[in-house]
Amino acid sequence: MKSYYIIDFDSTFTQVEALDELVRISLKNHPDRETIYKKIEDLTNAAMEGKLSFRDSLTQRVQLLYANNEHLQKLVARLKKKVSASFSRNKSFFKAHANHILIVSGGFKEFITPVVLPYHIKKENIYANSFLFNERGDIIGYDESNPLSEEGGKVKLLRQLQLKGNIYGIGDGHSDFQLKESGLIQKFYAFTENISRKNILEKADHVTPSFDEFLYVNKLPRAISYPKNRILCLIVGDVPKEAIHVLKKDGFSIRHKTTFEDKYVADVGMLLLADGEKLEDQKLERAVKLKTIGYLGNSRQKLAADMATEMGIVVFDDLKNNPRNVHFIPKRMADFINKGDTYLSCNFPNLQLPKVANAHRLIHIHRNVPGIMAQINQVFAKHNINILGQFLMTNPQIGYVITDVSAEYDKKVLKELKAITDTIKFRVLY
């Protein structure tokens, strides 16, 4: 059966609520702007949480806009820069599934259409409200005959469309959950990359902190092989908020603790330690999922770098106690996870890599023994893999090879690469 994807716009496809942004533009010089901003935000949240009918919320918000066509143009320019990161990086998915992706929103076509069209969303698959204007171009209301302006509007629209197939809804609010409640869609995914509403999470079939997560659980093509929200990033000790923000903004699952609690050892994927913290050898040895360590200070005598190297864990530290490393160390950790960069690592061969489009990047960390590169390339040759680029660096202990390959390949390749003798760690980056 065909699969259809019903995607919300505000706080889902984009990071923000568009009407909230529009009022900030239109009332920039209004003396009561802060009071009106608050009223708009409260009305938005009341509707999204199901505490106020959508029609009442929409009518009251539009009445407070004081906006015109010029303001709308500024809004569109702002929204284009506010597309949710996980939607933005999966542009190829939208192109490949253009016939089956619908944007369904209680927002307005005047700002939604120009934002989503560059993502290969078909114009006829954009369902939203429409503003009414006077002769001067001022917004004076909206088309009240549109079902999306009514309470339960998304349900009414979907009944009209009569789509046949498996239908999945992705959104952040009450109107999105109503599709599931109506029985018109198979699953409702509560999207929390931008905002998390507790009463919506409780009703969702699945909480998806990113669009990568949605694609991952449904085994659909995606820009990265493993959602970053599934990578546990443990922060230990007195780490500055600025450092934590770098990693949180990138979408990793953050836990900040005063000590490296035993319950996190088996699952931690990234570890950022405050200056003075010591990493015990027995905990490091059991941290089998750990990919990178950041240390906000000199890590000598604080962790066993040789053991980390043997385990394929990349370590970044701060030998000179440079103030900029509050940002730099977590950024290096994120770059390793995102791109495979080991630049300025204290224990790994240094590689700084370009991102390659329309390709998969494979990371293979192995003991530095003769003949292992020949084995790796024999696997690629056996499966007729087209290698777009290959980068190898070694030190006396390990070899680190990055291979960019064409997007189409037999998944048996991955199993065979993992099975090569002296492999320490292997993963598909994207």
Protein backbone atom coordinates (compact mmCIF):
# COMPACT_ATOMS: atom_id res chain seq x y z
CA MET A 1 0.00 0.00 0.00
CA LYS A 2 1.04 3.60 -0.56
CA SER A 3 2.31 5.57 2.42
CA TYR A 4 1.36 9.21 2.96
CA TYR A 5 3.10 11.64 5.30
CA ILE A 6 0.99 14.43 6.81
CA ILE A 7 3.36 17.09 8.17
CA ASP A 8 2.49 20.13 10.27
CA PHE A 9 4.20 23.46 9.57
CA ASP A 10 4.47 25.65 12.68
CA SER A 11 6.98 24.37 15.26
CA THR A 12 7.40 21.25 13.14
CA PHE A 13 8.59 21.99 9.61
CA THR A 14 9.81 25.31 10.99
CA GLN A 15 11.31 26.01 14.39
CA VAL A 16 8.80 28.74 15.23
CA GLU A 17 5.10 29.67 15.19
CA ALA A 18 4.72 31.85 12.11
CA LEU A 19 1.91 34.06 13.42
CA ASP A 20 3.98 34.77 16.53
CA GLU A 21 6.84 35.83 14.26
CA LEU A 22 4.54 37.89 12.03
CA VAL A 23 3.23 39.92 14.95
CA ARG A 24 6.80 40.60 16.08
CA ILE A 25 7.50 42.02 12.62
CA SER A 26 4.27 43.99 12.24
CA LEU A 27 4.30 45.45 15.77
CA LYS A 28 8.02 46.16 15.94
CA ASN A 29 7.40 49.84 16.74
CA HIS A 30 4.05 49.48 18.55
CA PRO A 31 4.09 50.82 22.14
CA ASP A 32 2.09 47.82 23.45
CA ARG A 33 4.00 45.20 21.46
CA GLU A 34 5.14 43.11 24.45
CA THR A 35 1.61 42.77 25.80
CA ILE A 36 0.27 41.80 22.37
CA TYR A 37 3.14 39.33 21.80
CA LYS A 38 2.19 37.60 25.05
CA LYS A 39 -1.49 37.44 24.10
CA ILE A 40 -0.65 35.88 20.71
CA GLU A 41 1.66 33.28 22.29
CA ASP A 42 -0.93 32.37 24.93
CA LEU A 43 -3.63 31.94 22.27
CA THR A 44 -1.29 29.77 20.19
CA ASN A 45 -0.43 27.51 23.12
CA ALA A 46 -4.05 27.25 24.25
CA ALA A 47 -5.06 25.94 20.82
CA MET A 48 -2.07 23.59 20.49
CA GLU A 49 -2.81 22.09 23.92
CA GLY A 50 -6.53 21.72 23.18
CA LYS A 51 -7.61 24.25 25.81
CA LEU A 52 -9.24 26.63 23.30
CA SER A 53 -11.01 25.86 20.03
CA PHE A 54 -8.81 26.42 17.01
CA ARG A 55 -11.37 28.77 15.38
CA ASP A 56 -11.51 31.03 18.46
CA SER A 57 -7.72 31.05 18.77
CA LEU A 58 -7.21 31.82 15.09
CA THR A 59 -9.79 34.64 15.00
CA GLN A 60 -8.31 36.36 18.04
CA ARG A 61 -4.73 36.02 16.77
CA VAL A 62 -5.52 37.43 13.32
CA GLN A 63 -7.28 40.40 14.93
CA LEU A 64 -4.07 41.22 16.82
CA LEU A 65 -1.71 41.06 13.81
CA TYR A 66 -1.94 44.56 12.31
CA ALA A 67 0.02 43.12 9.37
CA ASN A 68 0.20 43.65 5.61
CA ASN A 69 1.86 42.21 2.49
CA GLU A 70 5.17 43.90 3.24
CA HIS A 71 5.28 42.25 6.65
CA LEU A 72 4.50 38.88 5.06
CA GLN A 73 7.50 39.20 2.74
CA LYS A 74 9.75 39.82 5.74
CA LEU A 75 8.18 36.86 7.51
CA VAL A 76 8.88 34.51 4.60
CA ALA A 77 12.53 35.58 4.53
CA ARG A 78 12.78 34.86 8.27
CA LEU A 79 11.00 31.48 8.07
CA LYS A 80 13.29 30.25 5.29
CA LYS A 81 16.13 30.56 7.80
CA LYS A 82 14.10 28.81 10.49
CA VAL A 83 13.38 25.45 8.84
CA SER A 84 13.92 22.71 11.42
CA ALA A 85 17.43 21.30 11.06
CA SER A 86 16.36 17.68 10.68
CA PHE A 87 13.91 18.56 7.89
CA SER A 88 16.52 20.68 6.17
CA ARG A 89 19.15 17.94 6.03
CA ASN A 90 16.64 15.39 4.66
CA LYS A 91 15.72 17.38 1.57
CA SER A 92 16.39 14.34 -0.64
CA PHE A 93 13.62 12.41 1.15
CA PHE A 94 11.09 15.06 0.19
CA LYS A 95 12.20 14.97 -3.42
CA ALA A 96 11.97 11.17 -3.59
CA HIS A 97 8.51 11.07 -1.95
CA ALA A 98 7.04 14.29 -3.33
CA ASN A 99 3.79 12.64 -4.46
CA HIS A 100 3.01 11.38 -0.98
CA ILE A 101 3.99 14.28 1.30
CA LEU A 102 1.31 16.74 2.39
CA ILE A 103 1.80 19.88 4.42
CA VAL A 104 -1.39 20.29 6.44
CA SER A 105 -1.50 23.34 8.67
CA GLY A 106 -3.79 25.75 10.42
CA GLY A 107 -1.34 28.43 9.29
CA PHE A 108 -1.55 30.38 6.04
CA LYS A 109 -0.55 29.58 2.48
CA GLU A 110 0.80 33.08 1.97
CA PHE A 111 3.83 32.26 4.11
CA ILE A 112 3.85 28.46 4.01
CA THR A 113 4.00 27.94 0.25
CA PRO A 114 7.20 29.92 -0.47
CA VAL A 115 8.97 28.23 2.46
CA VAL A 116 8.17 24.60 1.57
CA LEU A 117 8.33 24.73 -2.25
CA PRO A 118 12.18 24.62 -2.28
CA TYR A 119 11.87 21.26 -0.48
CA HIS A 120 10.11 19.71 -3.48
CA ILE A 121 6.70 19.85 -1.77
CA LYS A 122 4.09 20.02 -4.52
CA LYS A 123 1.92 23.14 -4.49
CA GLU A 124 -1.23 21.03 -4.75
CA ASN A 125 -0.14 19.13 -1.62
CA ILE A 126 -0.06 22.26 0.56
CA TYR A 127 -3.23 22.62 2.62
CA ALA A 128 -3.58 25.71 4.78
CA ASN A 129 -5.71 28.76 5.45
CA SER A 130 -5.79 31.94 3.34
CA PHE A 131 -5.72 35.56 4.48
CA LEU A 132 -8.20 38.20 3.30
CA PHE A 133 -6.75 41.60 2.35
CA ASN A 134 -8.16 45.08 1.78
CA GLU A 135 -7.21 47.25 -1.21
CA ARG A 136 -4.12 48.57 0.65
CA GLY A 137 -2.78 45.04 1.23
CA ASP A 138 -3.63 44.96 4.94
CA ILE A 139 -4.70 41.64 6.46
CA ILE A 140 -8.31 42.04 7.55
CA GLY A 141 -9.31 38.43 8.18
CA TYR A 142 -9.23 34.94 6.70
CA ASP A 143 -11.34 32.63 4.55
CA GLU A 144 -13.78 31.18 7.07
CA SER A 145 -15.10 28.62 4.55
CA ASN A 146 -11.79 26.74 4.66
CA PRO A 147 -12.18 23.65 6.87
CA LEU A 148 -8.69 24.23 8.29
CA SER A 149 -9.97 27.40 9.98
CA GLU A 150 -12.39 25.32 12.06
CA GLU A 151 -12.00 23.21 15.18
CA GLY A 152 -11.01 19.71 14.01
CA GLY A 153 -10.14 21.18 10.61
CA LYS A 154 -7.40 18.68 9.82
CA VAL A 155 -9.81 15.81 10.42
CA LYS A 156 -12.43 17.39 8.13
CA LEU A 157 -9.84 17.96 5.41
CA LEU A 158 -8.54 14.39 5.52
CA ARG A 159 -12.06 13.03 5.28
CA GLN A 160 -12.51 15.09 2.13
CA LEU A 161 -9.23 13.88 0.62
CA GLN A 162 -10.07 10.18 1.13
CA LEU A 163 -6.46 9.03 0.86
CA LYS A 164 -6.01 5.29 0.43
CA GLY A 165 -2.97 3.77 2.12
CA ASN A 166 -0.89 3.97 5.30
CA ILE A 167 -1.03 7.52 6.63
CA TYR A 168 1.41 8.91 9.18
CA GLY A 169 0.95 12.23 10.98
CA ILE A 170 3.86 14.32 12.26
CA GLY A 171 3.25 17.39 14.38
CA ASP A 172 3.50 19.07 17.76
CA GLY A 173 -0.06 19.97 18.69
CA HIS A 174 -3.60 18.93 19.55
CA SER A 175 -4.88 19.30 15.98
CA ASP A 176 -2.27 16.76 14.84
CA PHE A 177 -3.28 14.26 17.52
CA GLN A 178 -6.94 14.65 16.47
CA LEU A 179 -6.05 12.87 13.19
CA LYS A 180 -5.05 9.80 15.17
CA GLU A 181 -8.06 10.13 17.46
CA SER A 182 -10.34 10.17 14.40
CA GLY A 183 -8.90 6.89 13.10
CA LEU A 184 -7.89 8.50 9.80
CA ILE A 185 -4.16 7.89 10.23
CA GLN A 186 -2.20 4.82 11.33
CA LYS A 187 0.27 6.55 13.67
CA PHE A 188 0.78 9.96 15.22
CA TYR A 189 4.37 11.08 15.82
CA ALA A 190 4.77 13.91 18.35
CA PHE A 191 7.57 16.09 16.98
CA THR A 192 9.66 17.63 19.78
CA GLU A 193 12.70 19.13 18.06
CA ASN A 194 11.38 22.63 18.74
CA ILE A 195 8.75 22.34 21.46
CA SER A 196 7.48 19.60 23.74
CA ARG A 197 3.88 19.65 24.98
CA LYS A 198 3.38 17.13 27.79
CA ASN A 199 -0.31 16.44 27.13
CA ILE A 200 0.48 15.71 23.46
CA LEU A 201 3.41 13.39 24.27
CA GLU A 202 1.14 11.27 26.45
CA LYS A 203 -1.18 10.64 23.49
CA ALA A 204 1.42 10.01 20.78
CA ASP A 205 2.22 6.64 19.24
CA HIS A 206 5.87 7.69 19.16
CA VAL A 207 7.81 10.74 20.34
CA THR A 208 10.18 11.84 17.60
CA PRO A 209 12.77 14.43 18.71
CA SER A 210 13.82 14.88 15.06
CA PHE A 211 12.72 13.97 11.55
CA ASP A 212 15.77 11.69 11.44
CA GLU A 213 14.13 9.67 14.23
CA PHE A 214 10.89 9.33 12.26
CA LEU A 215 12.77 8.13 9.18
CA TYR A 216 14.90 5.76 11.27
CA VAL A 217 12.04 3.98 13.05
CA ASN A 218 10.18 3.60 9.75
CA LYS A 219 13.31 2.34 7.94
CA LEU A 220 13.16 5.15 5.37
CA PRO A 221 16.12 6.76 3.54
CA ARG A 222 17.73 9.52 5.59
CA ALA A 223 20.67 11.90 5.62
CA ILE A 224 22.34 10.34 8.67
CA SER A 225 22.43 6.66 9.55
CA TYR A 226 21.61 7.03 13.24
CA PRO A 227 19.53 9.82 14.81
CA LYS A 228 21.60 12.10 17.01
CA ASN A 229 18.82 12.19 19.60
CA ARG A 230 19.61 8.50 20.24
CA ILE A 231 23.26 9.24 21.08
CA LEU A 232 23.63 9.70 24.84
CA CYS A 233 25.93 12.63 25.56
CA LEU A 234 26.95 12.64 29.22
CA ILE A 235 28.28 15.87 30.76
CA VAL A 236 30.19 15.34 34.02
CA GLY A 237 31.18 17.99 36.55
CA ASP A 238 31.22 21.78 36.51
CA VAL A 239 30.97 22.26 32.75
CA PRO A 240 30.03 25.79 31.55
CA LYS A 241 26.55 26.23 30.08
CA GLU A 242 28.05 27.48 26.81
CA ALA A 243 29.76 24.11 26.24
CA ILE A 244 26.58 22.18 26.99
CA HIS A 245 24.60 24.42 24.63
CA VAL A 246 26.89 23.54 21.71
CA LEU A 247 26.04 19.85 22.06
CA LYS A 248 22.39 20.35 22.96
CA LYS A 249 21.84 22.57 19.93
CA ASP A 250 23.24 19.81 17.72
CA GLY A 251 20.46 17.47 18.86
CA PHE A 252 22.28 14.98 21.09
CA SER A 253 20.51 13.49 24.13
CA ILE A 254 22.08 15.41 27.03
CA ARG A 255 22.48 14.28 30.64
CA HIS A 256 24.40 16.55 33.04
CA LYS A 257 25.63 14.86 36.22
CA THR A 258 28.06 15.65 39.00
CA THR A 259 29.70 12.22 38.62
CA PHE A 260 29.97 9.52 35.95
CA GLU A 261 27.14 7.38 37.32
CA ASP A 262 27.49 3.66 36.77
CA LYS A 263 24.07 3.35 35.14
CA TYR A 264 25.27 5.40 32.14
CA VAL A 265 28.50 3.49 31.45
CA ALA A 266 27.11 0.89 29.04
CA ASP A 267 25.10 3.36 26.92
CA VAL A 268 27.14 6.57 26.80
CA GLY A 269 28.15 7.61 23.27
CA MET A 270 29.82 10.96 24.04
CA LEU A 271 31.45 12.12 27.26
CA LEU A 272 32.37 15.72 28.14
CA LEU A 273 34.37 16.08 31.38
CA ALA A 274 35.00 19.23 33.39
CA ASP A 275 38.58 20.16 34.26
CA GLY A 276 39.72 18.10 37.25
CA GLU A 277 37.38 15.16 36.65
CA LYS A 278 39.05 11.73 36.52
CA LEU A 279 37.81 8.87 34.32
CA GLU A 280 38.42 5.50 35.99
CA ASP A 281 39.96 2.79 33.81
CA GLN A 282 37.33 0.19 34.70
CA LYS A 283 34.52 2.53 33.64
CA LEU A 284 36.28 3.45 30.40
CA GLU A 285 36.83 -0.23 29.63
CA ARG A 286 33.09 -0.95 29.99
CA ALA A 287 31.98 2.05 27.92
CA VAL A 288 31.69 0.00 24.72
CA LYS A 289 29.44 2.51 22.90
CA LEU A 290 31.65 5.50 23.67
CA LYS A 291 32.84 7.24 20.50
CA THR A 292 34.44 10.46 21.70
CA ILE A 293 35.61 12.15 24.92
CA GLY A 294 36.04 15.88 25.44
CA TYR A 295 38.09 17.14 28.37
CA LEU A 296 37.95 20.82 29.37
CA GLY A 297 41.54 20.91 30.57
CA ASN A 298 44.68 18.78 30.32
CA SER A 299 43.53 15.14 30.28
CA ARG A 300 46.97 13.67 31.15
CA GLN A 301 46.81 11.73 34.41
CA LYS A 302 42.99 12.08 34.25
CA LEU A 303 42.14 9.37 31.72
CA ALA A 304 43.96 6.52 29.99
CA ALA A 305 44.49 7.89 26.48
CA ASP A 306 46.15 4.66 25.28
CA MET A 307 43.16 2.61 26.40
CA ALA A 308 40.80 5.06 24.66
CA THR A 309 42.84 4.72 21.47
CA GLU A 310 42.73 0.92 21.60
CA MET A 311 38.94 1.14 22.00
CA GLY A 312 38.60 3.48 19.01
CA ILE A 313 37.54 6.46 21.16
CA VAL A 314 38.63 9.89 19.93
CA VAL A 315 39.80 12.27 22.70
CA PHE A 316 39.88 16.06 22.50
CA ASP A 317 41.40 18.04 25.36
CA ASP A 318 42.70 21.47 26.26
CA LEU A 319 46.44 21.39 27.05
CA LYS A 320 46.80 25.17 27.36
CA ASN A 321 43.56 25.98 29.19
CA ASN A 322 42.43 28.26 26.39
CA PRO A 323 39.13 30.09 27.19
CA ARG A 324 37.83 29.52 23.63
CA ASN A 325 37.90 25.76 24.21
CA VAL A 326 34.64 25.98 26.16
CA HIS A 327 33.15 26.13 22.65
CA PHE A 328 35.95 24.48 20.70
CA ILE A 329 36.14 21.12 22.52
CA PRO A 330 32.39 20.27 22.28
CA LYS A 331 32.42 21.52 18.66
CA ARG A 332 35.26 19.10 17.85
CA MET A 333 33.28 16.26 19.47
CA ALA A 334 30.22 17.10 17.37
CA ASP A 335 32.32 17.35 14.20
CA PHE A 336 33.66 13.86 14.80
CA ILE A 337 30.14 12.44 15.19
CA ASN A 338 28.74 14.46 12.27
CA LYS A 339 31.58 14.40 9.74
CA GLY A 340 34.26 11.99 11.00
CA ASP A 341 36.76 14.80 11.69
CA THR A 342 39.52 13.98 14.18
CA TYR A 343 41.27 17.34 13.71
CA LEU A 344 43.28 18.33 16.83
CA SER A 345 42.52 15.09 18.65
CA CYS A 346 45.18 14.25 21.23
CA ASN A 347 45.18 10.49 20.53
CA PHE A 348 43.99 9.89 16.95
CA PRO A 349 45.48 10.51 13.51
CA ASN A 350 44.26 13.95 12.41
CA LEU A 351 41.73 14.09 9.59
CA GLN A 352 39.61 17.05 8.50
CA LEU A 353 37.14 16.07 5.80
CA PRO A 354 34.82 17.64 3.24
CA LYS A 355 31.15 16.60 3.30
CA VAL A 356 30.24 14.69 0.13
CA ALA A 357 26.72 14.90 -1.32
CA ASN A 358 24.78 11.86 -2.58
CA ALA A 359 27.11 9.45 -0.84
CA HIS A 360 27.47 7.33 2.28
CA ARG A 361 30.45 7.84 4.57
CA LEU A 362 31.86 4.74 6.27
CA ILE A 363 34.25 4.99 9.22
CA HIS A 364 36.58 2.06 9.91
CA ILE A 365 38.90 2.15 12.93
CA HIS A 366 41.36 -0.74 13.15
CA ARG A 367 44.63 -1.88 14.67
CA ASN A 368 47.58 -0.75 12.60
CA VAL A 369 48.60 -4.12 11.17
CA PRO A 370 49.87 -4.97 7.67
CA GLY A 371 47.32 -5.85 4.99
CA ILE A 372 44.15 -4.51 6.60
CA MET A 373 43.56 -1.83 3.95
CA ALA A 374 43.80 -4.52 1.28
CA GLN A 375 41.06 -6.48 3.10
CA ILE A 376 38.83 -3.41 3.33
CA ASN A 377 39.17 -2.64 -0.36
CA GLN A 378 38.66 -6.30 -1.30
CA VAL A 379 35.22 -6.08 0.33
CA PHE A 380 34.40 -3.01 -1.76
CA ALA A 381 35.69 -4.66 -4.94
CA LYS A 382 33.78 -7.89 -4.29
CA HIS A 383 30.49 -5.95 -4.12
CA ASN A 384 31.31 -3.58 -7.02
CA ILE A 385 31.19 -0.54 -4.74
CA ASN A 386 31.98 2.78 -6.40
CA ILE A 387 34.42 4.60 -4.08
CA LEU A 388 34.05 8.38 -4.37
CA GLY A 389 36.83 9.19 -1.93
CA GLN A 390 39.03 7.48 0.63
CA PHE A 391 41.11 8.99 3.42
CA LEU A 392 43.56 7.05 5.62
CA MET A 393 45.69 8.18 8.55
CA THR A 394 47.64 6.02 10.99
CA ASN A 395 49.67 6.19 14.15
CA PRO A 396 51.67 3.35 15.75
CA GLN A 397 48.53 1.91 17.38
CA ILE A 398 45.65 2.36 14.95
CA GLY A 399 44.54 3.15 11.44
CA TYR A 400 41.58 5.42 10.72
CA VAL A 401 40.04 5.18 7.26
CA ILE A 402 37.10 7.13 5.90
CA THR A 403 35.47 5.84 2.71
CA ASP A 404 32.81 7.75 0.78
CA VAL A 405 30.81 5.40 -1.45
CA SER A 406 27.89 5.70 -3.87
CA ALA A 407 24.49 5.65 -2.22
CA GLU A 408 23.46 2.26 -3.62
CA TYR A 409 25.10 -0.82 -2.10
CA ASP A 410 24.29 -4.21 -0.63
CA LYS A 411 23.97 -4.02 3.17
CA LYS A 412 26.08 -7.22 3.40
CA VAL A 413 29.05 -4.91 2.80
CA LEU A 414 28.61 -3.41 6.27
CA LYS A 415 28.61 -6.81 7.98
CA GLU A 416 31.73 -7.89 6.11
CA LEU A 417 33.61 -4.69 7.00
CA LYS A 418 32.73 -5.14 10.68
CA ALA A 419 33.92 -8.76 10.53
CA ILE A 420 37.44 -7.94 9.30
CA THR A 421 40.03 -9.13 11.82
CA ASP A 422 41.57 -6.28 13.88
CA THR A 423 38.53 -4.03 13.38
CA ILE A 424 38.03 -1.89 16.50
CA LYS A 425 34.99 0.19 15.55
CA PHE A 426 32.94 0.59 12.40
CA ARG A 427 29.95 2.79 11.67
CA VAL A 428 28.01 4.40 8.85
CA LEU A 429 28.16 8.13 9.37
CA TYR A 430 25.54 9.19 6.79
